[in-house]
N, C-alpha and C. Protein backbone atom coordinates (compact mmCIF):
# COMPACT_ATOMS: atom_id res chain seq x y z
N MET A 1 -20.24 94.77 -19.74
CA MET A 1 -19.57 94.26 -20.97
C MET A 1 -18.69 93.20 -20.49
N ARG A 2 -18.69 91.87 -21.30
CA ARG A 2 -17.94 90.83 -20.65
C ARG A 2 -17.39 90.31 -22.11
N VAL A 3 -15.96 90.25 -22.24
CA VAL A 3 -15.36 89.82 -23.35
C VAL A 3 -14.55 88.44 -23.09
N GLN A 4 -15.07 87.62 -24.13
CA GLN A 4 -14.71 86.08 -23.89
C GLN A 4 -13.38 85.84 -24.38
N GLN A 5 -12.71 84.71 -23.89
CA GLN A 5 -11.38 84.42 -24.54
C GLN A 5 -11.51 84.22 -26.20
N GLY A 6 -10.99 84.63 -26.90
CA GLY A 6 -10.67 84.42 -28.30
C GLY A 6 -10.41 82.96 -28.81
N ALA A 7 -10.65 82.73 -29.98
CA ALA A 7 -10.15 81.92 -30.99
C ALA A 7 -9.43 82.16 -32.05
N VAL A 8 -8.62 81.09 -32.93
CA VAL A 8 -8.12 81.57 -34.19
C VAL A 8 -8.90 81.15 -35.22
N VAL A 9 -9.26 81.71 -36.20
CA VAL A 9 -10.20 81.32 -37.29
C VAL A 9 -9.13 81.32 -38.49
N ASP A 10 -9.19 80.22 -39.46
CA ASP A 10 -8.82 80.50 -40.49
C ASP A 10 -9.10 81.18 -41.43
N LEU A 11 -8.52 82.02 -42.19
CA LEU A 11 -8.88 83.03 -43.34
C LEU A 11 -8.82 82.14 -44.73
N ASP A 12 -10.01 81.27 -44.79
CA ASP A 12 -10.14 80.44 -46.02
C ASP A 12 -10.92 81.04 -47.09
N ALA A 13 -10.81 80.50 -48.19
CA ALA A 13 -11.35 81.39 -49.51
C ALA A 13 -13.04 81.92 -49.05
N ALA A 14 -13.78 81.23 -48.58
CA ALA A 14 -15.15 81.65 -48.40
C ALA A 14 -15.28 82.93 -47.46
N LEU A 15 -14.39 82.97 -46.32
CA LEU A 15 -14.14 84.28 -45.49
C LEU A 15 -13.70 85.35 -46.36
N ALA A 16 -12.26 85.03 -47.15
CA ALA A 16 -11.82 86.30 -47.79
C ALA A 16 -12.66 86.66 -48.79
N LEU A 17 -13.53 86.13 -49.57
CA LEU A 17 -14.61 86.37 -50.39
C LEU A 17 -15.50 87.58 -49.75
N ASN A 18 -16.14 86.84 -48.83
CA ASN A 18 -17.25 87.53 -47.63
C ASN A 18 -16.54 88.77 -47.11
N ALA A 19 -15.29 88.83 -46.78
CA ALA A 19 -14.55 89.92 -46.35
C ALA A 19 -14.59 91.11 -47.37
N ALA A 20 -14.18 90.85 -48.56
CA ALA A 20 -14.07 91.58 -49.78
C ALA A 20 -15.40 92.10 -50.20
N ARG A 21 -16.45 91.31 -50.32
CA ARG A 21 -17.72 91.84 -50.40
C ARG A 21 -18.33 92.72 -49.54
N LEU A 22 -17.96 92.59 -48.01
CA LEU A 22 -18.29 93.52 -47.00
C LEU A 22 -17.38 94.68 -47.17
N GLY A 23 -16.32 94.67 -47.47
CA GLY A 23 -15.23 95.71 -47.60
C GLY A 23 -15.83 96.65 -48.67
N VAL A 24 -16.22 95.96 -49.85
CA VAL A 24 -16.67 97.05 -51.15
C VAL A 24 -18.18 97.49 -50.60
N ASP A 25 -19.08 96.71 -49.83
CA ASP A 25 -20.24 97.26 -49.61
C ASP A 25 -20.24 98.39 -48.32
N HIS A 26 -19.21 98.30 -47.58
CA HIS A 26 -19.32 99.28 -46.33
C HIS A 26 -18.14 100.07 -46.51
N LYS A 27 -17.06 100.02 -47.72
CA LYS A 27 -16.18 100.94 -47.89
C LYS A 27 -15.27 100.69 -46.58
N LEU A 28 -14.60 99.41 -46.44
CA LEU A 28 -13.83 99.22 -45.26
C LEU A 28 -12.52 99.04 -45.75
N PRO A 29 -11.61 99.37 -45.00
CA PRO A 29 -10.09 99.13 -45.38
C PRO A 29 -10.16 97.43 -45.38
N LEU A 30 -9.01 96.84 -46.11
CA LEU A 30 -8.62 95.33 -46.12
C LEU A 30 -8.99 94.67 -44.83
N ALA A 31 -7.92 95.16 -43.71
CA ALA A 31 -8.04 94.40 -42.52
C ALA A 31 -9.35 94.49 -41.72
N ASP A 32 -9.95 95.83 -41.77
CA ASP A 32 -11.23 95.84 -41.06
C ASP A 32 -12.06 95.11 -41.67
N SER A 33 -12.20 94.82 -43.09
CA SER A 33 -12.97 94.07 -43.61
C SER A 33 -13.07 92.52 -43.11
N ILE A 34 -11.70 92.13 -43.15
CA ILE A 34 -11.38 90.97 -42.41
C ILE A 34 -11.59 90.39 -40.98
N VAL A 35 -11.41 91.45 -40.17
CA VAL A 35 -12.25 91.62 -38.89
C VAL A 35 -13.72 91.38 -38.76
N TYR A 36 -14.11 92.03 -39.61
CA TYR A 36 -15.83 92.32 -39.68
C TYR A 36 -16.46 90.94 -40.08
N ALA A 37 -15.75 90.41 -41.15
CA ALA A 37 -16.42 89.17 -41.73
C ALA A 37 -16.20 88.35 -40.56
N THR A 38 -14.84 88.12 -40.19
CA THR A 38 -14.62 87.24 -39.11
C THR A 38 -15.66 87.20 -38.07
N ALA A 39 -15.89 88.23 -37.39
CA ALA A 39 -16.95 88.38 -36.32
C ALA A 39 -18.22 87.78 -36.70
N ARG A 40 -18.69 88.11 -37.91
CA ARG A 40 -19.84 87.82 -38.31
C ARG A 40 -20.15 86.29 -38.36
N ALA A 41 -19.01 85.88 -39.09
CA ALA A 41 -19.13 84.45 -39.41
C ALA A 41 -19.04 83.47 -38.08
N VAL A 42 -18.70 84.20 -37.03
CA VAL A 42 -18.61 83.23 -35.83
C VAL A 42 -19.73 83.69 -34.71
N GLY A 43 -20.55 84.78 -35.28
CA GLY A 43 -21.68 85.24 -34.45
C GLY A 43 -20.84 86.12 -33.36
N GLY A 44 -19.89 86.80 -33.34
CA GLY A 44 -19.75 87.78 -32.53
C GLY A 44 -19.70 89.12 -32.88
N VAL A 45 -19.48 90.12 -32.12
CA VAL A 45 -19.66 91.32 -32.27
C VAL A 45 -18.21 92.20 -31.98
N VAL A 46 -18.10 92.91 -32.84
CA VAL A 46 -17.00 94.10 -33.05
C VAL A 46 -17.38 94.99 -31.97
N ARG A 47 -16.17 95.02 -31.07
CA ARG A 47 -16.00 96.33 -30.14
C ARG A 47 -14.82 97.26 -30.37
N THR A 48 -15.29 98.44 -30.85
CA THR A 48 -13.98 99.33 -31.49
C THR A 48 -14.39 100.73 -31.27
N GLN A 49 -13.12 101.37 -31.58
CA GLN A 49 -13.02 102.91 -31.54
C GLN A 49 -12.80 103.31 -33.01
N ASP A 50 -12.94 102.22 -33.88
CA ASP A 50 -12.30 102.79 -35.13
C ASP A 50 -13.77 103.22 -35.91
N GLU A 51 -13.59 104.42 -36.42
CA GLU A 51 -14.71 105.15 -37.05
C GLU A 51 -15.16 104.31 -38.38
N ASP A 52 -14.35 103.82 -38.86
CA ASP A 52 -15.02 103.19 -39.97
C ASP A 52 -16.00 101.77 -39.60
N PHE A 53 -16.00 101.35 -38.59
CA PHE A 53 -17.06 100.44 -38.17
C PHE A 53 -18.39 101.11 -37.73
N ASP A 54 -18.22 102.51 -37.33
CA ASP A 54 -19.67 103.30 -36.93
C ASP A 54 -21.01 103.18 -37.68
N GLY A 55 -21.91 102.53 -37.18
CA GLY A 55 -23.14 102.46 -37.46
C GLY A 55 -23.25 100.78 -38.34
N LEU A 56 -22.61 99.93 -38.30
CA LEU A 56 -22.53 98.71 -39.02
C LEU A 56 -23.33 97.76 -37.90
N PRO A 57 -24.03 96.68 -38.55
CA PRO A 57 -25.02 96.00 -37.61
C PRO A 57 -23.52 94.96 -37.11
N ASP A 58 -24.07 94.47 -35.61
CA ASP A 58 -22.94 93.77 -34.91
C ASP A 58 -21.64 94.52 -34.50
N VAL A 59 -21.94 95.62 -34.34
CA VAL A 59 -20.76 96.35 -34.07
C VAL A 59 -21.04 97.39 -32.92
N GLN A 60 -20.21 97.52 -31.82
CA GLN A 60 -20.29 98.32 -30.51
C GLN A 60 -19.34 99.30 -30.81
N TYR A 61 -19.57 100.29 -31.26
CA TYR A 61 -18.63 101.57 -31.46
C TYR A 61 -18.60 102.63 -30.46
N PHE A 62 -17.25 102.90 -29.90
CA PHE A 62 -17.01 103.68 -29.06
C PHE A 62 -16.25 104.47 -29.38
N PRO A 63 -16.89 105.91 -29.54
CA PRO A 63 -16.02 107.21 -29.90
C PRO A 63 -14.74 107.58 -29.11
N LYS A 64 -13.79 107.72 -29.61
CA LYS A 64 -12.60 108.15 -28.94
C LYS A 64 -12.93 109.70 -27.93
N ARG A 65 -12.23 109.69 -26.84
CA ARG A 65 -12.67 111.05 -26.33
C ARG A 65 -10.87 111.69 -26.42
N HIS A 66 -11.16 112.85 -27.17
CA HIS A 66 -10.00 113.37 -27.68
C HIS A 66 -9.28 114.11 -26.54
N GLY A 67 -10.19 114.57 -25.63
CA GLY A 67 -9.81 115.17 -24.37
C GLY A 67 -8.63 114.71 -23.44
N SER A 68 -8.84 113.25 -23.60
CA SER A 68 -8.09 112.48 -22.71
C SER A 68 -6.78 112.37 -23.27
N ARG A 69 -6.20 112.70 -24.22
CA ARG A 69 -5.05 112.68 -25.10
C ARG A 69 -4.52 113.88 -24.53
N LEU A 70 -5.05 115.13 -24.32
CA LEU A 70 -4.52 116.17 -23.94
C LEU A 70 -4.21 116.32 -22.75
N ARG A 71 -5.07 115.68 -21.51
CA ARG A 71 -4.75 115.52 -20.13
C ARG A 71 -3.65 114.81 -20.20
N LEU A 72 -3.26 113.68 -20.89
CA LEU A 72 -2.26 113.32 -20.78
C LEU A 72 -0.74 113.71 -21.06
N ARG A 73 -1.02 114.52 -22.07
CA ARG A 73 0.30 115.17 -22.49
C ARG A 73 0.30 116.53 -21.30
N SER A 74 -0.63 116.79 -20.75
CA SER A 74 -0.51 117.83 -19.86
C SER A 74 0.32 117.09 -18.61
N PHE A 75 -0.11 116.07 -18.21
CA PHE A 75 0.25 115.40 -17.12
C PHE A 75 1.87 114.96 -17.15
N CYS A 76 1.98 114.50 -18.61
CA CYS A 76 3.57 114.15 -18.68
C CYS A 76 4.65 115.27 -18.65
N GLU A 77 3.88 116.43 -19.18
CA GLU A 77 4.66 117.91 -19.18
C GLU A 77 4.92 118.26 -17.58
N ALA A 78 3.70 118.01 -16.92
CA ALA A 78 3.81 118.37 -15.58
C ALA A 78 4.66 117.52 -14.64
N ALA A 79 4.88 116.14 -15.12
CA ALA A 79 5.84 115.16 -14.36
C ALA A 79 7.30 115.56 -14.84
N ALA A 80 7.34 115.68 -16.06
CA ALA A 80 8.80 116.32 -16.47
C ALA A 80 9.33 117.08 -15.51
N ARG A 81 8.68 118.38 -15.64
CA ARG A 81 8.84 119.41 -14.50
C ARG A 81 9.15 119.12 -13.16
N VAL A 82 8.19 118.57 -12.96
CA VAL A 82 8.27 117.91 -11.20
C VAL A 82 9.67 117.15 -11.10
N LYS A 83 9.88 116.37 -11.82
CA LYS A 83 11.14 115.44 -12.06
C LYS A 83 12.25 116.11 -11.83
N HIS A 84 12.44 117.14 -12.78
CA HIS A 84 13.57 117.98 -12.56
C HIS A 84 13.38 118.77 -11.27
N ALA A 85 12.66 118.85 -10.53
CA ALA A 85 12.39 119.79 -9.35
C ALA A 85 12.62 119.01 -8.35
N ASN A 86 12.59 117.84 -8.44
CA ASN A 86 12.89 116.70 -7.21
C ASN A 86 11.88 116.69 -6.29
N ALA A 87 10.51 117.10 -7.09
CA ALA A 87 9.06 116.90 -5.80
C ALA A 87 8.33 115.67 -6.41
N PRO A 88 7.57 115.28 -5.80
CA PRO A 88 6.61 114.14 -5.87
C PRO A 88 5.50 114.41 -7.32
N LEU A 89 5.42 113.16 -7.91
CA LEU A 89 4.47 113.65 -9.22
C LEU A 89 3.26 113.77 -8.82
N PRO A 90 2.50 114.60 -9.59
CA PRO A 90 1.07 114.99 -9.44
C PRO A 90 0.18 113.67 -9.73
N SER A 91 -0.96 113.70 -9.36
CA SER A 91 -1.81 112.48 -9.65
C SER A 91 -2.46 113.08 -10.78
N MET A 92 -3.26 112.04 -11.74
CA MET A 92 -3.94 112.42 -12.96
C MET A 92 -5.00 113.34 -13.13
N SER A 93 -5.61 113.19 -11.39
CA SER A 93 -6.93 113.91 -11.44
C SER A 93 -6.67 115.38 -11.06
N GLU A 94 -5.21 115.74 -10.69
CA GLU A 94 -4.93 117.00 -10.44
C GLU A 94 -4.84 117.79 -11.79
N GLN A 95 -4.42 116.94 -12.75
CA GLN A 95 -4.58 117.53 -14.34
C GLN A 95 -5.44 117.98 -15.06
N VAL A 96 -6.59 117.64 -14.28
CA VAL A 96 -7.98 117.92 -15.56
C VAL A 96 -8.24 119.21 -15.25
């Protein structure tokens, strides 16, 4: 996957109306509909972990991995315990 440098796009009346239509059609929140309309207007693809975009054309949706948040919390708790014990920090792979 290659991500290219972005560009600033003006939110003019035509883009705002298109965003409103897409928001109603796909039940998207306002900010999401603006992102989606802008990407479509410039021939781009939305790459996201936001479930609101799942299944839409020109979107690459990547579901969030909820387990990674638990591993991070476990790592942080272990790091806090280790810090108080004055020992070296464990690696993330040791917490899986």
